[in-house]
Amino acid sequence: MNQQLIFNDDFSFCVEQRCWCFSAQLEGAKIWLFCSRETDRRSEPDDECKLDYEWQAEEWLSQHDVADDGKIYLSN
């Protein structure tokens, strides 16, 4: 587990982006992760889906730097 990356349990639906999002702490800075998978705003992603997003975020971060705005857009 990457101790420099800590996921927060704060999934919420972002109306502006029309997708679920959650935050994390990366080396002390708060970042936002937006999940672009087709989602239904009425049903929060289940635990398995959340873990998939977290895994995808870790993979993405192993290959990229976070933009200055602190936002990461994940796709399926």
PDB file of N, CA and C in Angstrom:
ATOM      1  N   MET A   1       0.843  -1.173   0.000  1.00  0.00           N
ATOM      2  CA  MET A   1       0.000   0.000   0.000  1.00  0.00           C
ATOM      3  C   MET A   1       0.891   1.239   0.000  1.00  0.00           C
ATOM      4  N   ASN A   2       0.507   2.223  -0.761  1.00  0.00           N
ATOM      5  CA  ASN A   2       1.238   3.472  -0.869  1.00  0.00           C
ATOM      6  C   ASN A   2       0.821   4.393   0.272  1.00  0.00           C
ATOM      7  N   GLN A   3       1.705   4.609   1.239  1.00  0.00           N
ATOM      8  CA  GLN A   3       1.380   5.442   2.396  1.00  0.00           C
ATOM      9  C   GLN A   3       1.302   6.923   2.040  1.00  0.00           C
ATOM     10  N   GLN A   4       1.825   7.299   0.896  1.00  0.00           N
ATOM     11  CA  GLN A   4       1.755   8.698   0.495  1.00  0.00           C
ATOM     12  C   GLN A   4       0.415   9.020  -0.164  1.00  0.00           C
ATOM     13  N   LEU A   5      -0.407   8.014  -0.421  1.00  0.00           N
ATOM     14  CA  LEU A   5      -1.714   8.196  -1.036  1.00  0.00           C
ATOM     15  C   LEU A   5      -2.763   7.593  -0.114  1.00  0.00           C
ATOM     16  N   ILE A   6      -3.633   8.436   0.399  1.00  0.00           N
ATOM     17  CA  ILE A   6      -4.684   7.986   1.313  1.00  0.00           C
ATOM     18  C   ILE A   6      -6.025   8.398   0.726  1.00  0.00           C
ATOM     19  N   PHE A   7      -6.877   7.411   0.451  1.00  0.00           N
ATOM     20  CA  PHE A   7      -8.202   7.687  -0.108  1.00  0.00           C
ATOM     21  C   PHE A   7      -9.176   8.048   0.999  1.00  0.00           C
ATOM     22  N   ASN A   8      -9.986   9.062   0.743  1.00  0.00           N
ATOM     23  CA  ASN A   8     -11.048   9.442   1.667  1.00  0.00           C
ATOM     24  C   ASN A   8     -12.333   8.722   1.278  1.00  0.00           C
ATOM     25  N   ASP A   9     -13.152   8.441   2.244  1.00  0.00           N
ATOM     26  CA  ASP A   9     -14.426   7.762   1.990  1.00  0.00           C
ATOM     27  C   ASP A   9     -15.515   8.825   1.817  1.00  0.00           C
ATOM     28  N   ASP A  10     -15.418   9.575   0.711  1.00  0.00           N
ATOM     29  CA  ASP A  10     -16.333  10.699   0.504  1.00  0.00           C
ATOM     30  C   ASP A  10     -16.908  10.740  -0.911  1.00  0.00           C
ATOM     31  N   PHE A  11     -17.284   9.571  -1.434  1.00  0.00           N
ATOM     32  CA  PHE A  11     -17.883   9.538  -2.768  1.00  0.00           C
ATOM     33  C   PHE A  11     -19.111  10.425  -2.799  1.00  0.00           C
ATOM     34  N   SER A  12     -19.202  11.237  -3.840  1.00  0.00           N
ATOM     35  CA  SER A  12     -20.379  12.072  -4.037  1.00  0.00           C
ATOM     36  C   SER A  12     -20.577  12.261  -5.534  1.00  0.00           C
ATOM     37  N   PHE A  13     -21.782  12.623  -5.903  1.00  0.00           N
ATOM     38  CA  PHE A  13     -22.066  12.837  -7.314  1.00  0.00           C
ATOM     39  C   PHE A  13     -21.770  14.286  -7.664  1.00  0.00           C
ATOM     40  N   CYS A  14     -20.908  14.505  -8.635  1.00  0.00           N
ATOM     41  CA  CYS A  14     -20.554  15.844  -9.093  1.00  0.00           C
ATOM     42  C   CYS A  14     -21.490  16.216 -10.243  1.00  0.00           C
ATOM     43  N   VAL A  15     -22.404  17.125  -9.971  1.00  0.00           N
ATOM     44  CA  VAL A  15     -23.384  17.521 -10.981  1.00  0.00           C
ATOM     45  C   VAL A  15     -22.685  18.169 -12.172  1.00  0.00           C
ATOM     46  N   GLU A  16     -21.696  19.017 -11.899  1.00  0.00           N
ATOM     47  CA  GLU A  16     -20.985  19.718 -12.967  1.00  0.00           C
ATOM     48  C   GLU A  16     -20.312  18.748 -13.940  1.00  0.00           C
ATOM     49  N   GLN A  17     -19.660  17.711 -13.420  1.00  0.00           N
ATOM     50  CA  GLN A  17     -18.952  16.734 -14.260  1.00  0.00           C
ATOM     51  C   GLN A  17     -19.852  15.566 -14.677  1.00  0.00           C
ATOM     52  N   ARG A  18     -21.008  15.470 -14.042  1.00  0.00           N
ATOM     53  CA  ARG A  18     -21.977  14.387 -14.297  1.00  0.00           C
ATOM     54  C   ARG A  18     -21.349  13.006 -14.078  1.00  0.00           C
ATOM     55  N   CYS A  19     -20.660  12.884 -12.931  1.00  0.00           N
ATOM     56  CA  CYS A  19     -20.042  11.609 -12.581  1.00  0.00           C
ATOM     57  C   CYS A  19     -19.795  11.577 -11.071  1.00  0.00           C
ATOM     58  N   TRP A  20     -19.465  10.397 -10.562  1.00  0.00           N
ATOM     59  CA  TRP A  20     -19.101  10.253  -9.154  1.00  0.00           C
ATOM     60  C   TRP A  20     -17.672  10.721  -8.974  1.00  0.00           C
ATOM     61  N   CYS A  21     -17.393  11.296  -7.820  1.00  0.00           N
ATOM     62  CA  CYS A  21     -16.029  11.725  -7.525  1.00  0.00           C
ATOM     63  C   CYS A  21     -15.707  11.409  -6.067  1.00  0.00           C
ATOM     64  N   PHE A  22     -14.431  11.414  -5.770  1.00  0.00           N
ATOM     65  CA  PHE A  22     -13.970  11.225  -4.397  1.00  0.00           C
ATOM     66  C   PHE A  22     -12.619  11.913  -4.267  1.00  0.00           C
ATOM     67  N   SER A  23     -12.178  12.073  -3.045  1.00  0.00           N
ATOM     68  CA  SER A  23     -10.914  12.776  -2.828  1.00  0.00           C
ATOM     69  C   SER A  23      -9.893  11.847  -2.187  1.00  0.00           C
ATOM     70  N   ALA A  24      -8.664  12.318  -2.207  1.00  0.00           N
ATOM     71  CA  ALA A  24      -7.564  11.579  -1.587  1.00  0.00           C
ATOM     72  C   ALA A  24      -6.526  12.597  -1.116  1.00  0.00           C
ATOM     73  N   GLN A  25      -5.667  12.133  -0.237  1.00  0.00           N
ATOM     74  CA  GLN A  25      -4.527  12.921   0.195  1.00  0.00           C
ATOM     75  C   GLN A  25      -3.302  12.330  -0.478  1.00  0.00           C
ATOM     76  N   LEU A  26      -2.598  13.150  -1.223  1.00  0.00           N
ATOM     77  CA  LEU A  26      -1.386  12.719  -1.901  1.00  0.00           C
ATOM     78  C   LEU A  26      -0.243  13.587  -1.404  1.00  0.00           C
ATOM     79  N   GLU A  27       0.635  12.974  -0.631  1.00  0.00           N
ATOM     80  CA  GLU A  27       1.780  13.688  -0.051  1.00  0.00           C
ATOM     81  C   GLU A  27       1.321  14.964   0.655  1.00  0.00           C
ATOM     82  N   GLY A  28       0.200  14.877   1.356  1.00  0.00           N
ATOM     83  CA  GLY A  28      -0.320  15.986   2.144  1.00  0.00           C
ATOM     84  C   GLY A  28      -1.243  16.935   1.414  1.00  0.00           C
ATOM     85  N   ALA A  29      -1.359  16.814   0.109  1.00  0.00           N
ATOM     86  CA  ALA A  29      -2.231  17.693  -0.674  1.00  0.00           C
ATOM     87  C   ALA A  29      -3.523  16.959  -1.034  1.00  0.00           C
ATOM     88  N   LYS A  30      -4.644  17.658  -0.990  1.00  0.00           N
ATOM     89  CA  LYS A  30      -5.918  17.058  -1.356  1.00  0.00           C
ATOM     90  C   LYS A  30      -6.064  17.077  -2.871  1.00  0.00           C
ATOM     91  N   ILE A  31      -6.416  15.927  -3.427  1.00  0.00           N
ATOM     92  CA  ILE A  31      -6.683  15.819  -4.855  1.00  0.00           C
ATOM     93  C   ILE A  31      -8.092  15.278  -5.041  1.00  0.00           C
ATOM     94  N   TRP A  32      -8.668  15.544  -6.209  1.00  0.00           N
ATOM     95  CA  TRP A  32     -10.015  15.064  -6.539  1.00  0.00           C
ATOM     96  C   TRP A  32      -9.928  14.110  -7.708  1.00  0.00           C
ATOM     97  N   LEU A  33     -10.658  13.004  -7.599  1.00  0.00           N
ATOM     98  CA  LEU A  33     -10.686  11.993  -8.645  1.00  0.00           C
ATOM     99  C   LEU A  33     -12.107  11.900  -9.183  1.00  0.00           C
ATOM    100  N   PHE A  34     -12.240  12.033 -10.497  1.00  0.00           N
ATOM    101  CA  PHE A  34     -13.542  11.994 -11.151  1.00  0.00           C
ATOM    102  C   PHE A  34     -13.646  10.702 -11.951  1.00  0.00           C
ATOM    103  N   CYS A  35     -14.720   9.975 -11.754  1.00  0.00           N
ATOM    104  CA  CYS A  35     -14.911   8.657 -12.362  1.00  0.00           C
ATOM    105  C   CYS A  35     -15.834   8.796 -13.563  1.00  0.00           C
ATOM    106  N   SER A  36     -15.299   8.637 -14.754  1.00  0.00           N
ATOM    107  CA  SER A  36     -16.077   8.905 -15.959  1.00  0.00           C
ATOM    108  C   SER A  36     -16.900   7.718 -16.445  1.00  0.00           C
ATOM    109  N   ARG A  37     -16.896   6.650 -15.703  1.00  0.00           N
ATOM    110  CA  ARG A  37     -17.709   5.489 -16.055  1.00  0.00           C
ATOM    111  C   ARG A  37     -19.175   5.889 -16.054  1.00  0.00           C
ATOM    112  N   GLU A  38     -19.952   5.296 -16.956  1.00  0.00           N
ATOM    113  CA  GLU A  38     -21.393   5.569 -16.976  1.00  0.00           C
ATOM    114  C   GLU A  38     -21.970   5.208 -15.612  1.00  0.00           C
ATOM    115  N   THR A  39     -22.546   6.189 -14.950  1.00  0.00           N
ATOM    116  CA  THR A  39     -23.076   5.957 -13.618  1.00  0.00           C
ATOM    117  C   THR A  39     -24.467   6.531 -13.475  1.00  0.00           C
ATOM    118  N   ASP A  40     -25.174   6.012 -12.515  1.00  0.00           N
ATOM    119  CA  ASP A  40     -26.497   6.509 -12.173  1.00  0.00           C
ATOM    120  C   ASP A  40     -26.370   7.289 -10.882  1.00  0.00           C
ATOM    121  N   ARG A  41     -26.736   8.512 -10.897  1.00  0.00           N
ATOM    122  CA  ARG A  41     -26.554   9.384  -9.734  1.00  0.00           C
ATOM    123  C   ARG A  41     -27.341   8.904  -8.522  1.00  0.00           C
ATOM    124  N   ARG A  42     -28.394   8.134  -8.728  1.00  0.00           N
ATOM    125  CA  ARG A  42     -29.220   7.690  -7.608  1.00  0.00           C
ATOM    126  C   ARG A  42     -28.593   6.558  -6.816  1.00  0.00           C
ATOM    127  N   SER A  43     -27.669   5.844  -7.401  1.00  0.00           N
ATOM    128  CA  SER A  43     -27.080   4.718  -6.680  1.00  0.00           C
ATOM    129  C   SER A  43     -25.568   4.891  -6.565  1.00  0.00           C
ATOM    130  N   GLU A  44     -25.105   5.068  -5.347  1.00  0.00           N
ATOM    131  CA  GLU A  44     -23.676   5.227  -5.094  1.00  0.00           C
ATOM    132  C   GLU A  44     -22.942   3.956  -5.505  1.00  0.00           C
ATOM    133  N   PRO A  45     -21.743   4.088  -6.051  1.00  0.00           N
ATOM    134  CA  PRO A  45     -20.970   2.894  -6.418  1.00  0.00           C
ATOM    135  C   PRO A  45     -20.794   1.961  -5.217  1.00  0.00           C
ATOM    136  N   ASP A  46     -20.854   0.659  -5.483  1.00  0.00           N
ATOM    137  CA  ASP A  46     -20.678  -0.304  -4.394  1.00  0.00           C
ATOM    138  C   ASP A  46     -19.198  -0.398  -4.020  1.00  0.00           C
ATOM    139  N   ASP A  47     -18.903  -1.140  -2.963  1.00  0.00           N
ATOM    140  CA  ASP A  47     -17.526  -1.226  -2.457  1.00  0.00           C
ATOM    141  C   ASP A  47     -16.554  -1.774  -3.495  1.00  0.00           C
ATOM    142  N   GLU A  48     -16.996  -2.747  -4.276  1.00  0.00           N
ATOM    143  CA  GLU A  48     -16.119  -3.318  -5.299  1.00  0.00           C
ATOM    144  C   GLU A  48     -15.761  -2.264  -6.351  1.00  0.00           C
ATOM    145  N   CYS A  49     -16.739  -1.495  -6.755  1.00  0.00           N
ATOM    146  CA  CYS A  49     -16.508  -0.439  -7.738  1.00  0.00           C
ATOM    147  C   CYS A  49     -15.568   0.628  -7.167  1.00  0.00           C
ATOM    148  N   LYS A  50     -15.766   0.994  -5.894  1.00  0.00           N
ATOM    149  CA  LYS A  50     -14.890   1.981  -5.252  1.00  0.00           C
ATOM    150  C   LYS A  50     -13.449   1.485  -5.213  1.00  0.00           C
ATOM    151  N   LEU A  51     -13.257   0.209  -4.887  1.00  0.00           N
ATOM    152  CA  LEU A  51     -11.910  -0.358  -4.868  1.00  0.00           C
ATOM    153  C   LEU A  51     -11.293  -0.357  -6.258  1.00  0.00           C
ATOM    154  N   ASP A  52     -12.111  -0.617  -7.281  1.00  0.00           N
ATOM    155  CA  ASP A  52     -11.623  -0.552  -8.661  1.00  0.00           C
ATOM    156  C   ASP A  52     -11.139   0.855  -8.996  1.00  0.00           C
ATOM    157  N   TYR A  53     -11.905   1.869  -8.583  1.00  0.00           N
ATOM    158  CA  TYR A  53     -11.501   3.252  -8.827  1.00  0.00           C
ATOM    159  C   TYR A  53     -10.196   3.574  -8.100  1.00  0.00           C
ATOM    160  N   GLU A  54     -10.065   3.106  -6.862  1.00  0.00           N
ATOM    161  CA  GLU A  54      -8.846   3.360  -6.103  1.00  0.00           C
ATOM    162  C   GLU A  54      -7.648   2.691  -6.762  1.00  0.00           C
ATOM    163  N   TRP A  55      -7.826   1.462  -7.217  1.00  0.00           N
ATOM    164  CA  TRP A  55      -6.747   0.754  -7.909  1.00  0.00           C
ATOM    165  C   TRP A  55      -6.372   1.511  -9.181  1.00  0.00           C
ATOM    166  N   GLN A  56      -7.388   1.945  -9.929  1.00  0.00           N
ATOM    167  CA  GLN A  56      -7.138   2.677 -11.172  1.00  0.00           C
ATOM    168  C   GLN A  56      -6.395   3.984 -10.878  1.00  0.00           C
ATOM    169  N   ALA A  57      -6.753   4.657  -9.799  1.00  0.00           N
ATOM    170  CA  ALA A  57      -6.073   5.898  -9.423  1.00  0.00           C
ATOM    171  C   ALA A  57      -4.601   5.630  -9.103  1.00  0.00           C
ATOM    172  N   GLU A  58      -4.332   4.556  -8.366  1.00  0.00           N
ATOM    173  CA  GLU A  58      -2.938   4.211  -8.046  1.00  0.00           C
ATOM    174  C   GLU A  58      -2.136   3.929  -9.313  1.00  0.00           C
ATOM    175  N   GLU A  59      -2.741   3.197 -10.239  1.00  0.00           N
ATOM    176  CA  GLU A  59      -2.072   2.896 -11.505  1.00  0.00           C
ATOM    177  C   GLU A  59      -1.803   4.182 -12.289  1.00  0.00           C
ATOM    178  N   TRP A  60      -2.797   5.052 -12.346  1.00  0.00           N
ATOM    179  CA  TRP A  60      -2.655   6.311 -13.073  1.00  0.00           C
ATOM    180  C   TRP A  60      -1.529   7.137 -12.464  1.00  0.00           C
ATOM    181  N   LEU A  61      -1.512   7.235 -11.140  1.00  0.00           N
ATOM    182  CA  LEU A  61      -0.508   8.040 -10.454  1.00  0.00           C
ATOM    183  C   LEU A  61       0.901   7.463 -10.585  1.00  0.00           C
ATOM    184  N   SER A  62       1.006   6.164 -10.830  1.00  0.00           N
ATOM    185  CA  SER A  62       2.330   5.575 -11.010  1.00  0.00           C
ATOM    186  C   SER A  62       2.941   5.972 -12.355  1.00  0.00           C
ATOM    187  N   GLN A  63       2.112   6.507 -13.260  1.00  0.00           N
ATOM    188  CA  GLN A  63       2.594   6.858 -14.594  1.00  0.00           C
ATOM    189  C   GLN A  63       2.474   8.343 -14.932  1.00  0.00           C
ATOM    190  N   HIS A  64       1.745   9.105 -14.099  1.00  0.00           N
ATOM    191  CA  HIS A  64       1.490  10.514 -14.401  1.00  0.00           C
ATOM    192  C   HIS A  64       1.670  11.383 -13.160  1.00  0.00           C
ATOM    193  N   ASP A  65       1.825  12.665 -13.403  1.00  0.00           N
ATOM    194  CA  ASP A  65       1.815  13.649 -12.332  1.00  0.00           C
ATOM    195  C   ASP A  65       0.430  14.285 -12.265  1.00  0.00           C
ATOM    196  N   VAL A  66       0.067  14.735 -11.091  1.00  0.00           N
ATOM    197  CA  VAL A  66      -1.218  15.406 -10.909  1.00  0.00           C
ATOM    198  C   VAL A  66      -1.114  16.824 -11.470  1.00  0.00           C
ATOM    199  N   ALA A  67      -2.148  17.243 -12.176  1.00  0.00           N
ATOM    200  CA  ALA A  67      -2.180  18.601 -12.721  1.00  0.00           C
ATOM    201  C   ALA A  67      -2.234  19.614 -11.583  1.00  0.00           C
ATOM    202  N   ASP A  68      -1.921  20.849 -11.890  1.00  0.00           N
ATOM    203  CA  ASP A  68      -1.904  21.908 -10.884  1.00  0.00           C
ATOM    204  C   ASP A  68      -3.249  22.098 -10.193  1.00  0.00           C
ATOM    205  N   ASP A  69      -4.339  21.783 -10.893  1.00  0.00           N
ATOM    206  CA  ASP A  69      -5.665  21.950 -10.288  1.00  0.00           C
ATOM    207  C   ASP A  69      -6.030  20.807  -9.338  1.00  0.00           C
ATOM    208  N   GLY A  70      -5.180  19.775  -9.247  1.00  0.00           N
ATOM    209  CA  GLY A  70      -5.403  18.675  -8.317  1.00  0.00           C
ATOM    210  C   GLY A  70      -6.514  17.723  -8.726  1.00  0.00           C
ATOM    211  N   LYS A  71      -6.860  17.704 -10.003  1.00  0.00           N
ATOM    212  CA  LYS A  71      -7.949  16.850 -10.479  1.00  0.00           C
ATOM    213  C   LYS A  71      -7.408  15.750 -11.389  1.00  0.00           C
ATOM    214  N   ILE A  72      -7.986  14.560 -11.198  1.00  0.00           N
ATOM    215  CA  ILE A  72      -7.640  13.406 -12.016  1.00  0.00           C
ATOM    216  C   ILE A  72      -8.943  12.851 -12.571  1.00  0.00           C
ATOM    217  N   TYR A  73      -8.958  12.550 -13.847  1.00  0.00           N
ATOM    218  CA  TYR A  73     -10.154  12.007 -14.501  1.00  0.00           C
ATOM    219  C   TYR A  73      -9.891  10.549 -14.848  1.00  0.00           C
ATOM    220  N   LEU A  74     -10.634   9.649 -14.229  1.00  0.00           N
ATOM    221  CA  LEU A  74     -10.488   8.215 -14.454  1.00  0.00           C
ATOM    222  C   LEU A  74     -11.550   7.760 -15.441  1.00  0.00           C
ATOM    223  N   SER A  75     -11.188   6.820 -16.297  1.00  0.00           N
ATOM    224  CA  SER A  75     -12.151   6.241 -17.235  1.00  0.00           C
ATOM    225  C   SER A  75     -12.224   4.750 -16.993  1.00  0.00           C
ATOM    226  N   ASN A  76     -13.175   4.079 -17.675  1.00  0.00           N
ATOM    227  CA  ASN A  76     -13.276   2.638 -17.439  1.00  0.00           C
ATOM    228  C   ASN A  76     -12.146   1.927 -18.108  1.00  0.00           C
TER     229      ASN A  76
END
